[in-house]
Amino acid sequence: MKIEVWSDFVCPFCYIGKRKLELALEQFEHKDSVEMVFKSFELDPNAGVYNGKNIHEALADKYGMTIGQAKVNNMQIGQHAAEVGLTFNFDEMKPTNTLHAHRLAKFAETKGKEKAITENLLYAYFTESKNLSERETLLDIAEASGLDRNEAGEILENETLHLDEVRADEQLAQQYGITGVPFFIFNNKYTISGAQPMETFVGALNQVWKEENEQPKFQNFGSGDAGVCTDDNCSI
């Protein structure tokens, strides 16, 4: 089974949804037969790099709410995160552009380290309050994910490297009509939008597996065998 996951590294529900899917997979008896592929999605492609404003101030400015309202909203999201064992440090969070982080993740994919760097980027942003637009921070994360620091530095230095892969993911999301993340596609056929309850993911895994693996691949529209040849004979 293949699960494609569109997400952004500064999207709180992307981290929560990812963890819910992982917890659901722990309950899935065929988890070793599941391949998870992460796709790039920028919530705000025009976002600037971190400018000193915390996430409460940034959200208040963007959505025309008070800082108090932003804090309440973030507190509620933090409670959702805690329910799946995640810690979000909103007060120190550094909102920023994520394009270079996505390019680095695409490089990690070529080295078989996509899963590691995806988790490490999310953890760095939401729990450690790291600045994901800072070069040295990204290099630290790359190295901690098993990538060569110098090679990662070359990726960040040349802003065209792995840009096409990021843009291809984003264009595919547009074709599919994906306007929000996280968004999950199972076997290019079944979808889940958002950080749904874990039971939804468990149900989806079991249903997809059943339909794709346990039901007959073909349905016979004929009645019995009519004019069939086998190794033994041909019969009418």
C-alpha atoms as a PDB file:
ATOM      1  CA  MET A   1       0.000   0.000   0.000  1.00  0.00           C
ATOM      2  CA  LYS A   2       1.270   3.450  -0.899  1.00  0.00           C
ATOM      3  CA  ILE A   3       0.280   6.520   1.095  1.00  0.00           C
ATOM      4  CA  GLU A   4       1.161   9.947  -0.301  1.00  0.00           C
ATOM      5  CA  VAL A   5       1.140  12.774   2.238  1.00  0.00           C
ATOM      6  CA  TRP A   6       0.984  16.430   1.217  1.00  0.00           C
ATOM      7  CA  SER A   7       2.190  18.627   4.089  1.00  0.00           C
ATOM      8  CA  ASP A   8       4.177  21.684   5.141  1.00  0.00           C
ATOM      9  CA  PHE A   9       6.753  21.896   7.921  1.00  0.00           C
ATOM     10  CA  VAL A  10       5.061  24.868   9.615  1.00  0.00           C
ATOM     11  CA  CYS A  11       1.575  23.329   9.509  1.00  0.00           C
ATOM     12  CA  PRO A  12       0.565  22.169  13.008  1.00  0.00           C
ATOM     13  CA  PHE A  13      -2.137  19.797  11.820  1.00  0.00           C
ATOM     14  CA  CYS A  14       0.341  18.246   9.380  1.00  0.00           C
ATOM     15  CA  TYR A  15       2.469  17.122  12.324  1.00  0.00           C
ATOM     16  CA  ILE A  16      -0.597  15.998  14.251  1.00  0.00           C
ATOM     17  CA  GLY A  17      -2.019  14.163  11.230  1.00  0.00           C
ATOM     18  CA  LYS A  18       1.310  12.494  10.520  1.00  0.00           C
ATOM     19  CA  ARG A  19       1.505  11.227  14.092  1.00  0.00           C
ATOM     20  CA  LYS A  20      -2.091   9.953  13.992  1.00  0.00           C
ATOM     21  CA  LEU A  21      -1.326   8.006  10.830  1.00  0.00           C
ATOM     22  CA  GLU A  22       1.818   6.564  12.425  1.00  0.00           C
ATOM     23  CA  LEU A  23      -0.129   5.508  15.518  1.00  0.00           C
ATOM     24  CA  ALA A  24      -2.769   3.937  13.296  1.00  0.00           C
ATOM     25  CA  LEU A  25      -0.072   2.029  11.442  1.00  0.00           C
ATOM     26  CA  GLU A  26       1.108   0.566  14.742  1.00  0.00           C
ATOM     27  CA  GLN A  27      -2.296  -1.127  14.973  1.00  0.00           C
ATOM     28  CA  PHE A  28      -2.247  -2.293  11.346  1.00  0.00           C
ATOM     29  CA  GLU A  29      -1.104  -5.872  10.887  1.00  0.00           C
ATOM     30  CA  HIS A  30       0.203  -5.184   7.377  1.00  0.00           C
ATOM     31  CA  LYS A  31       2.220  -2.091   8.322  1.00  0.00           C
ATOM     32  CA  ASP A  32       5.417  -3.558   6.846  1.00  0.00           C
ATOM     33  CA  SER A  33       3.731  -3.479   3.449  1.00  0.00           C
ATOM     34  CA  VAL A  34       2.989   0.248   3.626  1.00  0.00           C
ATOM     35  CA  GLU A  35       5.117   2.835   1.855  1.00  0.00           C
ATOM     36  CA  MET A  36       4.702   6.443   2.977  1.00  0.00           C
ATOM     37  CA  VAL A  37       5.755   9.183   0.544  1.00  0.00           C
ATOM     38  CA  PHE A  38       5.852  12.841   1.564  1.00  0.00           C
ATOM     39  CA  LYS A  39       4.851  15.520  -0.923  1.00  0.00           C
ATOM     40  CA  SER A  40       5.718  19.212  -0.777  1.00  0.00           C
ATOM     41  CA  PHE A  41       3.077  21.839  -0.068  1.00  0.00           C
ATOM     42  CA  GLU A  42       3.774  25.450   0.918  1.00  0.00           C
ATOM     43  CA  LEU A  43       0.944  26.940   2.957  1.00  0.00           C
ATOM     44  CA  ASP A  44       2.206  30.398   2.066  1.00  0.00           C
ATOM     45  CA  PRO A  45       4.699  30.403  -0.829  1.00  0.00           C
ATOM     46  CA  ASN A  46       5.049  34.183  -0.452  1.00  0.00           C
ATOM     47  CA  ALA A  47       5.951  34.052   3.234  1.00  0.00           C
ATOM     48  CA  GLY A  48       9.143  35.857   4.158  1.00  0.00           C
ATOM     49  CA  VAL A  49      11.888  34.493   6.343  1.00  0.00           C
ATOM     50  CA  TYR A  50      11.579  34.795  10.110  1.00  0.00           C
ATOM     51  CA  ASN A  51      11.467  38.482  11.033  1.00  0.00           C
ATOM     52  CA  GLY A  52      11.374  38.353  14.817  1.00  0.00           C
ATOM     53  CA  LYS A  53       7.606  38.095  15.229  1.00  0.00           C
ATOM     54  CA  ASN A  54       6.349  35.081  17.134  1.00  0.00           C
ATOM     55  CA  ILE A  55       3.561  32.890  15.774  1.00  0.00           C
ATOM     56  CA  HIS A  56       0.880  34.680  17.824  1.00  0.00           C
ATOM     57  CA  GLU A  57       1.830  38.050  16.331  1.00  0.00           C
ATOM     58  CA  ALA A  58       2.153  36.622  12.818  1.00  0.00           C
ATOM     59  CA  LEU A  59      -1.296  35.018  12.925  1.00  0.00           C
ATOM     60  CA  ALA A  60      -2.877  38.138  14.412  1.00  0.00           C
ATOM     61  CA  ASP A  61      -1.451  40.230  11.569  1.00  0.00           C
ATOM     62  CA  LYS A  62      -2.384  37.757   8.853  1.00  0.00           C
ATOM     63  CA  TYR A  63      -5.955  37.035   9.923  1.00  0.00           C
ATOM     64  CA  GLY A  64      -6.920  40.312  11.532  1.00  0.00           C
ATOM     65  CA  MET A  65      -7.397  38.891  15.025  1.00  0.00           C
ATOM     66  CA  THR A  66      -6.064  40.002  18.374  1.00  0.00           C
ATOM     67  CA  ILE A  67      -2.959  38.436  19.839  1.00  0.00           C
ATOM     68  CA  GLY A  68      -5.174  37.091  22.616  1.00  0.00           C
ATOM     69  CA  GLN A  69      -7.401  35.342  20.085  1.00  0.00           C
ATOM     70  CA  ALA A  70      -4.349  33.925  18.329  1.00  0.00           C
ATOM     71  CA  LYS A  71      -3.031  32.563  21.628  1.00  0.00           C
ATOM     72  CA  VAL A  72      -6.337  30.857  22.406  1.00  0.00           C
ATOM     73  CA  ASN A  73      -6.406  29.303  18.944  1.00  0.00           C
ATOM     74  CA  ASN A  74      -2.840  28.068  19.294  1.00  0.00           C
ATOM     75  CA  MET A  75      -3.499  26.734  22.781  1.00  0.00           C
ATOM     76  CA  GLN A  76      -6.356  24.632  21.421  1.00  0.00           C
ATOM     77  CA  ILE A  77      -4.126  23.265  18.658  1.00  0.00           C
ATOM     78  CA  GLY A  78      -1.483  22.504  21.269  1.00  0.00           C
ATOM     79  CA  GLN A  79      -4.010  20.445  23.189  1.00  0.00           C
ATOM     80  CA  HIS A  80      -4.719  18.388  20.072  1.00  0.00           C
ATOM     81  CA  ALA A  81      -0.988  17.847  19.664  1.00  0.00           C
ATOM     82  CA  ALA A  82      -0.610  16.722  23.266  1.00  0.00           C
ATOM     83  CA  GLU A  83      -3.286  14.077  22.745  1.00  0.00           C
ATOM     84  CA  VAL A  84      -0.956  12.263  20.349  1.00  0.00           C
ATOM     85  CA  GLY A  85       2.195  12.808  22.397  1.00  0.00           C
ATOM     86  CA  LEU A  86       3.500  15.961  20.713  1.00  0.00           C
ATOM     87  CA  THR A  87       4.708  19.129  22.420  1.00  0.00           C
ATOM     88  CA  PHE A  88       4.191  22.436  20.607  1.00  0.00           C
ATOM     89  CA  ASN A  89       6.107  25.435  21.900  1.00  0.00           C
ATOM     90  CA  PHE A  90       4.015  28.215  20.369  1.00  0.00           C
ATOM     91  CA  ASP A  91       5.458  31.056  22.422  1.00  0.00           C
ATOM     92  CA  GLU A  92       8.911  30.582  20.895  1.00  0.00           C
ATOM     93  CA  MET A  93       7.864  29.394  17.435  1.00  0.00           C
ATOM     94  CA  LYS A  94       9.477  31.178  14.495  1.00  0.00           C
ATOM     95  CA  PRO A  95       7.155  31.408  11.457  1.00  0.00           C
ATOM     96  CA  THR A  96       9.100  31.450   8.209  1.00  0.00           C
ATOM     97  CA  ASN A  97       9.273  30.443   4.557  1.00  0.00           C
ATOM     98  CA  THR A  98       9.756  26.703   4.048  1.00  0.00           C
ATOM     99  CA  LEU A  99      10.915  26.397   0.431  1.00  0.00           C
ATOM    100  CA  HIS A 100      14.522  25.530   1.281  1.00  0.00           C
ATOM    101  CA  ALA A 101      13.360  22.997   3.849  1.00  0.00           C
ATOM    102  CA  HIS A 102      11.258  21.332   1.151  1.00  0.00           C
ATOM    103  CA  ARG A 103      14.193  21.304  -1.285  1.00  0.00           C
ATOM    104  CA  LEU A 104      16.349  19.727   1.399  1.00  0.00           C
ATOM    105  CA  ALA A 105      13.681  17.095   2.032  1.00  0.00           C
ATOM    106  CA  LYS A 106      13.656  16.236  -1.677  1.00  0.00           C
ATOM    107  CA  PHE A 107      17.428  15.779  -1.520  1.00  0.00           C
ATOM    108  CA  ALA A 108      16.957  13.542   1.523  1.00  0.00           C
ATOM    109  CA  GLU A 109      14.508  11.432  -0.488  1.00  0.00           C
ATOM    110  CA  THR A 110      17.293  10.595  -2.958  1.00  0.00           C
ATOM    111  CA  LYS A 111      19.343   9.276  -0.029  1.00  0.00           C
ATOM    112  CA  GLY A 112      16.563   7.264   1.577  1.00  0.00           C
ATOM    113  CA  LYS A 113      16.316   9.739   4.469  1.00  0.00           C
ATOM    114  CA  GLU A 114      12.995  11.377   3.647  1.00  0.00           C
ATOM    115  CA  LYS A 115      11.165   9.946   6.652  1.00  0.00           C
ATOM    116  CA  ALA A 116      13.905  10.969   9.080  1.00  0.00           C
ATOM    117  CA  ILE A 117      14.260  14.538   7.859  1.00  0.00           C
ATOM    118  CA  THR A 118      10.497  15.082   7.697  1.00  0.00           C
ATOM    119  CA  GLU A 119      10.146  14.147  11.357  1.00  0.00           C
ATOM    120  CA  ASN A 120      13.223  16.156  12.344  1.00  0.00           C
ATOM    121  CA  LEU A 121      12.089  19.300  10.524  1.00  0.00           C
ATOM    122  CA  LEU A 122       8.655  19.158  12.151  1.00  0.00           C
ATOM    123  CA  TYR A 123      10.117  18.493  15.593  1.00  0.00           C
ATOM    124  CA  ALA A 124      12.666  21.279  15.169  1.00  0.00           C
ATOM    125  CA  TYR A 125       9.984  23.821  14.276  1.00  0.00           C
ATOM    126  CA  PHE A 126       7.164  22.907  16.634  1.00  0.00           C
ATOM    127  CA  THR A 127       8.994  21.580  19.682  1.00  0.00           C
ATOM    128  CA  GLU A 128      12.482  23.096  19.580  1.00  0.00           C
ATOM    129  CA  SER A 129      11.383  26.430  18.071  1.00  0.00           C
ATOM    130  CA  LYS A 130      14.122  26.350  15.443  1.00  0.00           C
ATOM    131  CA  ASN A 131      14.275  28.777  12.536  1.00  0.00           C
ATOM    132  CA  LEU A 132      13.783  26.670   9.411  1.00  0.00           C
ATOM    133  CA  SER A 133      15.031  29.442   7.129  1.00  0.00           C
ATOM    134  CA  GLU A 134      18.406  29.571   8.860  1.00  0.00           C
ATOM    135  CA  ARG A 135      21.150  27.796   6.929  1.00  0.00           C
ATOM    136  CA  GLU A 136      23.040  26.345   9.895  1.00  0.00           C
ATOM    137  CA  THR A 137      19.819  25.113  11.459  1.00  0.00           C
ATOM    138  CA  LEU A 138      18.885  23.272   8.279  1.00  0.00           C
ATOM    139  CA  LEU A 139      22.369  21.809   8.030  1.00  0.00           C
ATOM    140  CA  ASP A 140      22.171  20.587  11.628  1.00  0.00           C
ATOM    141  CA  ILE A 141      18.842  18.931  10.868  1.00  0.00           C
ATOM    142  CA  ALA A 142      20.213  17.393   7.678  1.00  0.00           C
ATOM    143  CA  GLU A 143      23.202  15.965   9.521  1.00  0.00           C
ATOM    144  CA  ALA A 144      21.015  14.623  12.337  1.00  0.00           C
ATOM    145  CA  SER A 145      18.905  12.914   9.652  1.00  0.00           C
ATOM    146  CA  GLY A 146      21.899  11.011   8.305  1.00  0.00           C
ATOM    147  CA  LEU A 147      22.789  13.298   5.413  1.00  0.00           C
ATOM    148  CA  ASP A 148      26.235  14.566   4.538  1.00  0.00           C
ATOM    149  CA  ARG A 149      26.513  18.131   5.819  1.00  0.00           C
ATOM    150  CA  ASN A 150      28.625  19.331   2.891  1.00  0.00           C
ATOM    151  CA  GLU A 151      26.264  17.856   0.315  1.00  0.00           C
ATOM    152  CA  ALA A 152      23.313  19.414   2.099  1.00  0.00           C
ATOM    153  CA  GLY A 153      25.146  22.741   2.057  1.00  0.00           C
ATOM    154  CA  GLU A 154      25.541  22.493  -1.710  1.00  0.00           C
ATOM    155  CA  ILE A 155      21.778  21.968  -2.042  1.00  0.00           C
ATOM    156  CA  LEU A 156      21.021  25.055   0.016  1.00  0.00           C
ATOM    157  CA  GLU A 157      23.639  27.113  -1.820  1.00  0.00           C
ATOM    158  CA  ASN A 158      22.158  26.420  -5.265  1.00  0.00           C
ATOM    159  CA  GLU A 159      18.511  27.423  -5.051  1.00  0.00           C
ATOM    160  CA  THR A 160      17.617  25.622  -8.276  1.00  0.00           C
ATOM    161  CA  LEU A 161      18.532  22.165  -6.963  1.00  0.00           C
ATOM    162  CA  HIS A 162      15.476  19.989  -6.248  1.00  0.00           C
ATOM    163  CA  LEU A 163      13.223  22.965  -6.918  1.00  0.00           C
ATOM    164  CA  ASP A 164      11.559  21.171  -9.827  1.00  0.00           C
ATOM    165  CA  GLU A 165      10.549  18.268  -7.565  1.00  0.00           C
ATOM    166  CA  VAL A 166       8.961  20.654  -5.072  1.00  0.00           C
ATOM    167  CA  ARG A 167       7.070  22.477  -7.798  1.00  0.00           C
ATOM    168  CA  ALA A 168       5.936  19.187  -9.343  1.00  0.00           C
ATOM    169  CA  ASP A 169       4.364  18.148  -6.030  1.00  0.00           C
ATOM    170  CA  GLU A 170       2.624  21.493  -5.734  1.00  0.00           C
ATOM    171  CA  GLN A 171       1.329  21.350  -9.300  1.00  0.00           C
ATOM    172  CA  LEU A 172       0.016  17.850  -8.722  1.00  0.00           C
ATOM    173  CA  ALA A 173      -1.769  19.100  -5.615  1.00  0.00           C
ATOM    174  CA  GLN A 174      -3.461  21.750  -7.752  1.00  0.00           C
ATOM    175  CA  GLN A 175      -4.529  19.128 -10.285  1.00  0.00           C
ATOM    176  CA  TYR A 176      -6.032  17.051  -7.481  1.00  0.00           C
ATOM    177  CA  GLY A 177      -7.795  20.086  -6.033  1.00  0.00           C
ATOM    178  CA  ILE A 178      -5.841  19.978  -2.784  1.00  0.00           C
ATOM    179  CA  THR A 179      -6.216  23.358  -1.094  1.00  0.00           C
ATOM    180  CA  GLY A 180      -5.341  22.445   2.482  1.00  0.00           C
ATOM    181  CA  VAL A 181      -2.999  20.099   4.290  1.00  0.00           C
ATOM    182  CA  PRO A 182      -2.422  17.511   5.552  1.00  0.00           C
ATOM    183  CA  PHE A 183      -3.891  15.536   2.688  1.00  0.00           C
ATOM    184  CA  PHE A 184      -3.459  11.784   2.378  1.00  0.00           C
ATOM    185  CA  ILE A 185      -3.934   9.662  -0.739  1.00  0.00           C
ATOM    186  CA  PHE A 186      -4.055   5.879  -0.359  1.00  0.00           C
ATOM    187  CA  ASN A 187      -3.083   3.854  -3.444  1.00  0.00           C
ATOM    188  CA  ASN A 188      -3.909   6.789  -5.699  1.00  0.00           C
ATOM    189  CA  LYS A 189      -7.593   6.108  -5.053  1.00  0.00           C
ATOM    190  CA  TYR A 190      -8.737   6.855  -1.486  1.00  0.00           C
ATOM    191  CA  THR A 191      -8.224  10.141   0.383  1.00  0.00           C
ATOM    192  CA  ILE A 192      -8.286  11.633   3.855  1.00  0.00           C
ATOM    193  CA  SER A 193      -8.235  15.397   4.321  1.00  0.00           C
ATOM    194  CA  GLY A 194      -6.959  16.865   7.571  1.00  0.00           C
ATOM    195  CA  ALA A 195      -5.833  15.445  10.910  1.00  0.00           C
ATOM    196  CA  GLN A 196      -8.852  13.187  11.278  1.00  0.00           C
ATOM    197  CA  PRO A 197      -9.365  11.014  14.386  1.00  0.00           C
ATOM    198  CA  MET A 198      -6.948   8.096  14.570  1.00  0.00           C
ATOM    199  CA  GLU A 199      -9.855   5.689  14.171  1.00  0.00           C
ATOM    200  CA  THR A 200     -10.454   7.175  10.715  1.00  0.00           C
ATOM    201  CA  PHE A 201      -6.911   6.277   9.700  1.00  0.00           C
ATOM    202  CA  VAL A 202      -7.241   2.780  11.166  1.00  0.00           C
ATOM    203  CA  GLY A 203     -10.482   2.259   9.285  1.00  0.00           C
ATOM    204  CA  ALA A 204      -8.982   3.563   6.059  1.00  0.00           C
ATOM    205  CA  LEU A 205      -5.953   1.297   6.298  1.00  0.00           C
ATOM    206  CA  ASN A 206      -8.082  -1.782   6.878  1.00  0.00           C
ATOM    207  CA  GLN A 207     -10.617  -0.895   4.180  1.00  0.00           C
ATOM    208  CA  VAL A 208      -8.010  -0.104   1.548  1.00  0.00           C
ATOM    209  CA  TRP A 209      -6.110  -3.297   2.318  1.00  0.00           C
ATOM    210  CA  LYS A 210      -9.272  -5.352   2.105  1.00  0.00           C
ATOM    211  CA  GLU A 211     -10.440  -3.851  -1.165  1.00  0.00           C
ATOM    212  CA  GLU A 212      -7.014  -3.924  -2.794  1.00  0.00           C
ATOM    213  CA  ASN A 213      -5.760  -7.284  -1.565  1.00  0.00           C
ATOM    214  CA  GLU A 214      -8.531  -9.549  -0.320  1.00  0.00           C
ATOM    215  CA  GLN A 215     -11.249  -9.101  -2.918  1.00  0.00           C
ATOM    216  CA  PRO A 216     -10.933 -10.780  -6.334  1.00  0.00           C
ATOM    217  CA  LYS A 217      -9.095  -8.652  -8.858  1.00  0.00           C
ATOM    218  CA  PHE A 218     -11.558  -9.620 -11.599  1.00  0.00           C
ATOM    219  CA  GLN A 219     -15.295 -10.171 -11.814  1.00  0.00           C
ATOM    220  CA  ASN A 220     -16.491 -12.808 -14.260  1.00  0.00           C
ATOM    221  CA  PHE A 221     -19.417 -11.657 -16.412  1.00  0.00           C
ATOM    222  CA  GLY A 222     -19.737 -15.052 -18.125  1.00  0.00           C
ATOM    223  CA  SER A 223     -21.578 -18.155 -16.950  1.00  0.00           C
ATOM    224  CA  GLY A 224     -19.219 -21.060 -16.420  1.00  0.00           C
ATOM    225  CA  ASP A 225     -16.452 -21.938 -18.875  1.00  0.00           C
ATOM    226  CA  ALA A 226     -17.477 -21.661 -22.540  1.00  0.00           C
ATOM    227  CA  GLY A 227     -14.927 -22.735 -25.125  1.00  0.00           C
ATOM    228  CA  VAL A 228     -11.914 -22.933 -22.891  1.00  0.00           C
ATOM    229  CA  CYS A 229      -8.576 -24.589 -23.600  1.00  0.00           C
ATOM    230  CA  THR A 230      -6.274 -25.877 -20.866  1.00  0.00           C
ATOM    231  CA  ASP A 231      -3.070 -27.904 -21.002  1.00  0.00           C
ATOM    232  CA  ASP A 232      -5.217 -31.044 -20.955  1.00  0.00           C
ATOM    233  CA  ASN A 233      -7.806 -30.345 -23.628  1.00  0.00           C
ATOM    234  CA  CYS A 234     -10.151 -27.907 -25.291  1.00  0.00           C
ATOM    235  CA  SER A 235     -13.805 -28.190 -24.373  1.00  0.00           C
ATOM    236  CA  ILE A 236     -17.084 -26.567 -25.328  1.00  0.00           C
END
